[in-house]
Amino acid sequence: MVYLHVPALDAGAQYADDFNRADGAIGGGWVGGTSAWLIAANATRSGTAFSAYIVWPEPCATQDQFSQARILNGGTSGYHGLMVRANLAATTGVIGWCRTNGDWALGSTSLGFVRSGTIAAPGASAIVRLEASGSTARLYVNGSLVDSITVSESGAHVGMAGSNTNGPGGAMLDDWKGGDL
């Protein structure tokens, strides 16, 4: 009998950050507008009143990507969400978010927020997931599809996007994951 060693197929890039570290700067290797993101109580939030996009520094292998996180506190204004197909500078990409009260939006840095609406309030600890596959971006909340749009962005990085217009105590995200689908 002949035995052959066959290496496993690379499932693509998979990254994660649980933000379980001391309060302060986001650290953890994130790049982009990192000065605007803070760690507070082992979660993250953007800490200033302007938009800030951050990405994981290692690239994805394909354009079929996801980014997801758990919402701890959805805030009432601004947004804290997810980003896929971003460039390393975190200045372009596809963006999606949902607040604990059910407000949501889906778009890109080139298109703006194309679609928005309200779903039944998912509450704290809801899982928000943004996926891009082919020319379609999809936003999910707790595993249910909220909406999808056509996008043309192409980038190798995944991360988070945010604008904290309601100051400290605003929306917070935890248990981020991202990578290739």
C-alpha atoms as a PDB file:
ATOM      1  CA  MET A   1       0.000   0.000   0.000  1.00  0.00           C
ATOM      2  CA  VAL A   2       1.276   3.482  -0.889  1.00  0.00           C
ATOM      3  CA  TYR A   3       0.489   6.439   1.327  1.00  0.00           C
ATOM      4  CA  LEU A   4       0.629   9.939  -0.100  1.00  0.00           C
ATOM      5  CA  HIS A   5       0.890  13.085   1.935  1.00  0.00           C
ATOM      6  CA  VAL A   6      -1.504  15.690   0.539  1.00  0.00           C
ATOM      7  CA  PRO A   7      -1.301  19.132   2.151  1.00  0.00           C
ATOM      8  CA  ALA A   8      -4.575  20.680   3.226  1.00  0.00           C
ATOM      9  CA  LEU A   9      -5.935  23.372   0.955  1.00  0.00           C
ATOM     10  CA  ASP A  10      -5.417  26.872   2.311  1.00  0.00           C
ATOM     11  CA  ALA A  11      -8.795  28.040   3.555  1.00  0.00           C
ATOM     12  CA  GLY A  12      -7.636  31.668   3.232  1.00  0.00           C
ATOM     13  CA  ALA A  13      -6.864  34.281   5.791  1.00  0.00           C
ATOM     14  CA  GLN A  14      -8.733  34.376   9.118  1.00  0.00           C
ATOM     15  CA  TYR A  15      -8.069  37.078  11.740  1.00  0.00           C
ATOM     16  CA  ALA A  16      -9.587  37.897  15.146  1.00  0.00           C
ATOM     17  CA  ASP A  17      -9.315  40.373  18.021  1.00  0.00           C
ATOM     18  CA  ASP A  18     -11.263  40.061  21.291  1.00  0.00           C
ATOM     19  CA  PHE A  19      -9.966  43.455  22.558  1.00  0.00           C
ATOM     20  CA  ASN A  20      -9.201  41.925  25.965  1.00  0.00           C
ATOM     21  CA  ARG A  21      -6.454  44.317  26.998  1.00  0.00           C
ATOM     22  CA  ALA A  22      -5.915  47.438  29.078  1.00  0.00           C
ATOM     23  CA  ASP A  23      -8.062  50.505  28.428  1.00  0.00           C
ATOM     24  CA  GLY A  24      -6.448  53.050  26.101  1.00  0.00           C
ATOM     25  CA  ALA A  25      -5.281  53.044  22.494  1.00  0.00           C
ATOM     26  CA  ILE A  26      -6.527  50.182  20.341  1.00  0.00           C
ATOM     27  CA  GLY A  27      -3.054  48.713  19.703  1.00  0.00           C
ATOM     28  CA  GLY A  28      -3.127  45.071  18.647  1.00  0.00           C
ATOM     29  CA  GLY A  29      -1.490  45.786  15.296  1.00  0.00           C
ATOM     30  CA  TRP A  30      -4.426  47.632  13.685  1.00  0.00           C
ATOM     31  CA  VAL A  31      -3.531  50.239  11.016  1.00  0.00           C
ATOM     32  CA  GLY A  32      -5.324  53.267   9.566  1.00  0.00           C
ATOM     33  CA  GLY A  33      -7.079  55.819  11.787  1.00  0.00           C
ATOM     34  CA  THR A  34      -6.035  54.024  14.966  1.00  0.00           C
ATOM     35  CA  SER A  35      -5.772  57.196  17.083  1.00  0.00           C
ATOM     36  CA  ALA A  36      -9.567  57.499  16.927  1.00  0.00           C
ATOM     37  CA  TRP A  37     -10.270  54.003  18.321  1.00  0.00           C
ATOM     38  CA  LEU A  38     -10.117  53.122  22.015  1.00  0.00           C
ATOM     39  CA  ILE A  39     -10.200  50.036  24.191  1.00  0.00           C
ATOM     40  CA  ALA A  40     -12.648  50.393  27.083  1.00  0.00           C
ATOM     41  CA  ALA A  41     -13.754  47.517  29.340  1.00  0.00           C
ATOM     42  CA  ASN A  42     -12.314  44.879  26.957  1.00  0.00           C
ATOM     43  CA  ALA A  43     -14.250  46.186  23.925  1.00  0.00           C
ATOM     44  CA  THR A  44     -13.618  48.910  21.331  1.00  0.00           C
ATOM     45  CA  ARG A  45     -15.218  52.137  20.205  1.00  0.00           C
ATOM     46  CA  SER A  46     -14.177  55.135  18.178  1.00  0.00           C
ATOM     47  CA  GLY A  47     -13.407  57.911  20.608  1.00  0.00           C
ATOM     48  CA  THR A  48     -13.658  61.093  18.553  1.00  0.00           C
ATOM     49  CA  ALA A  49     -16.311  62.903  16.553  1.00  0.00           C
ATOM     50  CA  PHE A  50     -14.943  62.085  13.091  1.00  0.00           C
ATOM     51  CA  SER A  51     -14.903  59.076  10.813  1.00  0.00           C
ATOM     52  CA  ALA A  52     -12.117  56.582  11.338  1.00  0.00           C
ATOM     53  CA  TYR A  53     -11.474  53.413   9.415  1.00  0.00           C
ATOM     54  CA  ILE A  54      -9.039  50.779  10.649  1.00  0.00           C
ATOM     55  CA  VAL A  55      -7.919  47.514   9.096  1.00  0.00           C
ATOM     56  CA  TRP A  56      -6.048  44.403  10.062  1.00  0.00           C
ATOM     57  CA  PRO A  57      -2.510  44.734   8.637  1.00  0.00           C
ATOM     58  CA  GLU A  58      -2.338  41.267   7.062  1.00  0.00           C
ATOM     59  CA  PRO A  59      -4.131  40.947   3.708  1.00  0.00           C
ATOM     60  CA  CYS A  60      -6.850  38.535   2.669  1.00  0.00           C
ATOM     61  CA  ALA A  61      -6.100  36.058  -0.116  1.00  0.00           C
ATOM     62  CA  THR A  62      -9.238  36.788  -2.155  1.00  0.00           C
ATOM     63  CA  GLN A  63     -11.865  39.462  -2.812  1.00  0.00           C
ATOM     64  CA  ASP A  64     -14.495  37.231  -1.134  1.00  0.00           C
ATOM     65  CA  GLN A  65     -14.235  38.560   2.428  1.00  0.00           C
ATOM     66  CA  PHE A  66     -16.108  38.957   5.710  1.00  0.00           C
ATOM     67  CA  SER A  67     -15.865  41.106   8.817  1.00  0.00           C
ATOM     68  CA  GLN A  68     -18.036  40.562  11.890  1.00  0.00           C
ATOM     69  CA  ALA A  69     -18.344  41.737  15.498  1.00  0.00           C
ATOM     70  CA  ARG A  70     -20.660  41.669  18.476  1.00  0.00           C
ATOM     71  CA  ILE A  71     -22.527  44.914  19.321  1.00  0.00           C
ATOM     72  CA  LEU A  72     -22.317  45.696  23.040  1.00  0.00           C
ATOM     73  CA  ASN A  73     -23.918  49.124  23.029  1.00  0.00           C
ATOM     74  CA  GLY A  74     -25.386  50.429  19.808  1.00  0.00           C
ATOM     75  CA  GLY A  75     -25.392  54.144  20.587  1.00  0.00           C
ATOM     76  CA  THR A  76     -27.975  56.487  19.136  1.00  0.00           C
ATOM     77  CA  SER A  77     -25.996  58.433  16.533  1.00  0.00           C
ATOM     78  CA  GLY A  78     -22.896  58.005  14.453  1.00  0.00           C
ATOM     79  CA  TYR A  79     -21.964  54.491  13.471  1.00  0.00           C
ATOM     80  CA  HIS A  80     -19.635  51.693  14.488  1.00  0.00           C
ATOM     81  CA  GLY A  81     -19.429  48.935  11.990  1.00  0.00           C
ATOM     82  CA  LEU A  82     -17.461  46.728   9.705  1.00  0.00           C
ATOM     83  CA  MET A  83     -15.317  47.069   6.619  1.00  0.00           C
ATOM     84  CA  VAL A  84     -14.253  44.698   3.828  1.00  0.00           C
ATOM     85  CA  ARG A  85     -12.291  45.149   0.594  1.00  0.00           C
ATOM     86  CA  ALA A  86     -10.360  47.997   2.160  1.00  0.00           C
ATOM     87  CA  ASN A  87      -6.959  49.288   1.137  1.00  0.00           C
ATOM     88  CA  LEU A  88      -4.103  49.176   3.666  1.00  0.00           C
ATOM     89  CA  ALA A  89      -4.499  52.889   4.423  1.00  0.00           C
ATOM     90  CA  ALA A  90      -8.146  52.123   5.349  1.00  0.00           C
ATOM     91  CA  THR A  91      -9.390  54.981   3.163  1.00  0.00           C
ATOM     92  CA  THR A  92     -11.538  52.913   0.768  1.00  0.00           C
ATOM     93  CA  GLY A  93     -13.783  49.899   1.210  1.00  0.00           C
ATOM     94  CA  VAL A  94     -17.287  48.518   1.734  1.00  0.00           C
ATOM     95  CA  ILE A  95     -18.973  49.539   5.015  1.00  0.00           C
ATOM     96  CA  GLY A  96     -21.932  48.107   6.951  1.00  0.00           C
ATOM     97  CA  TRP A  97     -23.278  48.643  10.469  1.00  0.00           C
ATOM     98  CA  CYS A  98     -26.262  48.065  12.742  1.00  0.00           C
ATOM     99  CA  ARG A  99     -27.150  49.600  16.111  1.00  0.00           C
ATOM    100  CA  THR A 100     -28.784  47.730  18.980  1.00  0.00           C
ATOM    101  CA  ASN A 101     -31.995  49.679  18.312  1.00  0.00           C
ATOM    102  CA  GLY A 102     -32.170  48.166  14.802  1.00  0.00           C
ATOM    103  CA  ASP A 103     -30.977  51.138  12.684  1.00  0.00           C
ATOM    104  CA  TRP A 104     -28.627  49.898   9.947  1.00  0.00           C
ATOM    105  CA  ALA A 105     -26.827  51.048   6.789  1.00  0.00           C
ATOM    106  CA  LEU A 106     -24.842  49.467   3.964  1.00  0.00           C
ATOM    107  CA  GLY A 107     -22.589  51.219   1.441  1.00  0.00           C
ATOM    108  CA  SER A 108     -19.003  52.048   0.581  1.00  0.00           C
ATOM    109  CA  THR A 109     -16.500  54.855   0.836  1.00  0.00           C
ATOM    110  CA  SER A 110     -17.044  55.660  -2.865  1.00  0.00           C
ATOM    111  CA  LEU A 111     -20.850  55.339  -2.927  1.00  0.00           C
ATOM    112  CA  GLY A 112     -21.764  56.607   0.535  1.00  0.00           C
ATOM    113  CA  PHE A 113     -24.480  54.764   2.418  1.00  0.00           C
ATOM    114  CA  VAL A 114     -26.602  53.334  -0.402  1.00  0.00           C
ATOM    115  CA  ARG A 115     -29.218  51.604   1.703  1.00  0.00           C
ATOM    116  CA  SER A 116     -30.386  52.103   5.257  1.00  0.00           C
ATOM    117  CA  GLY A 117     -33.362  51.181   7.364  1.00  0.00           C
ATOM    118  CA  THR A 118     -34.578  49.742  10.602  1.00  0.00           C
ATOM    119  CA  ILE A 119     -35.054  46.120  11.620  1.00  0.00           C
ATOM    120  CA  ALA A 120     -36.468  44.730  14.860  1.00  0.00           C
ATOM    121  CA  ALA A 121     -34.041  45.815  17.578  1.00  0.00           C
ATOM    122  CA  PRO A 122     -31.423  43.059  17.831  1.00  0.00           C
ATOM    123  CA  GLY A 123     -30.322  44.242  21.279  1.00  0.00           C
ATOM    124  CA  ALA A 124     -26.939  44.070  22.956  1.00  0.00           C
ATOM    125  CA  SER A 125     -24.665  41.170  22.000  1.00  0.00           C
ATOM    126  CA  ALA A 126     -26.115  40.940  18.477  1.00  0.00           C
ATOM    127  CA  ILE A 127     -23.674  39.644  15.873  1.00  0.00           C
ATOM    128  CA  VAL A 128     -23.297  41.903  12.828  1.00  0.00           C
ATOM    129  CA  ARG A 129     -21.560  40.446   9.756  1.00  0.00           C
ATOM    130  CA  LEU A 130     -20.574  42.116   6.483  1.00  0.00           C
ATOM    131  CA  GLU A 131     -19.650  39.969   3.487  1.00  0.00           C
ATOM    132  CA  ALA A 132     -18.476  40.814  -0.019  1.00  0.00           C
ATOM    133  CA  SER A 133     -18.499  38.119  -2.675  1.00  0.00           C
ATOM    134  CA  GLY A 134     -18.222  38.855  -6.376  1.00  0.00           C
ATOM    135  CA  SER A 135     -19.961  42.180  -6.967  1.00  0.00           C
ATOM    136  CA  THR A 136     -22.353  41.810  -4.010  1.00  0.00           C
ATOM    137  CA  ALA A 137     -22.029  43.060  -0.436  1.00  0.00           C
ATOM    138  CA  ARG A 138     -24.385  41.620   2.196  1.00  0.00           C
ATOM    139  CA  LEU A 139     -25.190  42.736   5.736  1.00  0.00           C
ATOM    140  CA  TYR A 140     -26.367  40.152   8.297  1.00  0.00           C
ATOM    141  CA  VAL A 141     -27.611  40.601  11.859  1.00  0.00           C
ATOM    142  CA  ASN A 142     -27.750  37.486  14.054  1.00  0.00           C
ATOM    143  CA  GLY A 143     -27.431  35.335  10.924  1.00  0.00           C
ATOM    144  CA  SER A 144     -30.372  36.903   9.062  1.00  0.00           C
ATOM    145  CA  LEU A 145     -29.771  38.793   5.818  1.00  0.00           C
ATOM    146  CA  VAL A 146     -30.717  42.459   6.233  1.00  0.00           C
ATOM    147  CA  ASP A 147     -29.879  43.712   2.735  1.00  0.00           C
ATOM    148  CA  SER A 148     -27.414  43.518  -0.141  1.00  0.00           C
ATOM    149  CA  ILE A 149     -25.971  45.988  -2.636  1.00  0.00           C
ATOM    150  CA  THR A 150     -23.781  45.903  -5.750  1.00  0.00           C
ATOM    151  CA  VAL A 151     -20.222  47.134  -5.146  1.00  0.00           C
ATOM    152  CA  SER A 152     -17.086  47.585  -7.223  1.00  0.00           C
ATOM    153  CA  GLU A 153     -14.484  48.145  -4.485  1.00  0.00           C
ATOM    154  CA  SER A 154     -11.442  45.895  -4.490  1.00  0.00           C
ATOM    155  CA  GLY A 155      -9.032  45.734  -1.597  1.00  0.00           C
ATOM    156  CA  ALA A 156      -7.182  43.078   0.368  1.00  0.00           C
ATOM    157  CA  HIS A 157      -7.936  44.162   3.944  1.00  0.00           C
ATOM    158  CA  VAL A 158     -10.791  43.768   6.440  1.00  0.00           C
ATOM    159  CA  GLY A 159     -11.544  45.857   9.524  1.00  0.00           C
ATOM    160  CA  MET A 160     -13.894  48.320  11.204  1.00  0.00           C
ATOM    161  CA  ALA A 161     -15.373  51.727  10.408  1.00  0.00           C
ATOM    162  CA  GLY A 162     -16.765  54.239  12.839  1.00  0.00           C
ATOM    163  CA  SER A 163     -17.814  57.758  13.673  1.00  0.00           C
ATOM    164  CA  ASN A 164     -18.596  58.441  17.325  1.00  0.00           C
ATOM    165  CA  THR A 165     -20.838  61.483  17.181  1.00  0.00           C
ATOM    166  CA  ASN A 166     -22.364  60.740  20.575  1.00  0.00           C
ATOM    167  CA  GLY A 167     -19.108  60.774  22.539  1.00  0.00           C
ATOM    168  CA  PRO A 168     -17.984  58.441  25.335  1.00  0.00           C
ATOM    169  CA  GLY A 169     -20.508  55.762  26.155  1.00  0.00           C
ATOM    170  CA  GLY A 170     -21.446  55.422  22.499  1.00  0.00           C
ATOM    171  CA  ALA A 171     -21.523  52.274  20.423  1.00  0.00           C
ATOM    172  CA  MET A 172     -19.041  49.555  21.334  1.00  0.00           C
ATOM    173  CA  LEU A 173     -17.941  46.444  19.426  1.00  0.00           C
ATOM    174  CA  ASP A 174     -16.339  43.245  20.699  1.00  0.00           C
ATOM    175  CA  ASP A 175     -15.092  39.877  19.433  1.00  0.00           C
ATOM    176  CA  TRP A 176     -14.122  41.015  15.926  1.00  0.00           C
ATOM    177  CA  LYS A 177     -13.339  38.437  13.223  1.00  0.00           C
ATOM    178  CA  GLY A 178     -12.507  38.872   9.572  1.00  0.00           C
ATOM    179  CA  GLY A 179     -10.847  37.292   6.572  1.00  0.00           C
ATOM    180  CA  ASP A 180     -11.594  35.273   3.478  1.00  0.00           C
ATOM    181  CA  LEU A 181     -15.005  33.630   3.057  1.00  0.00           C
END
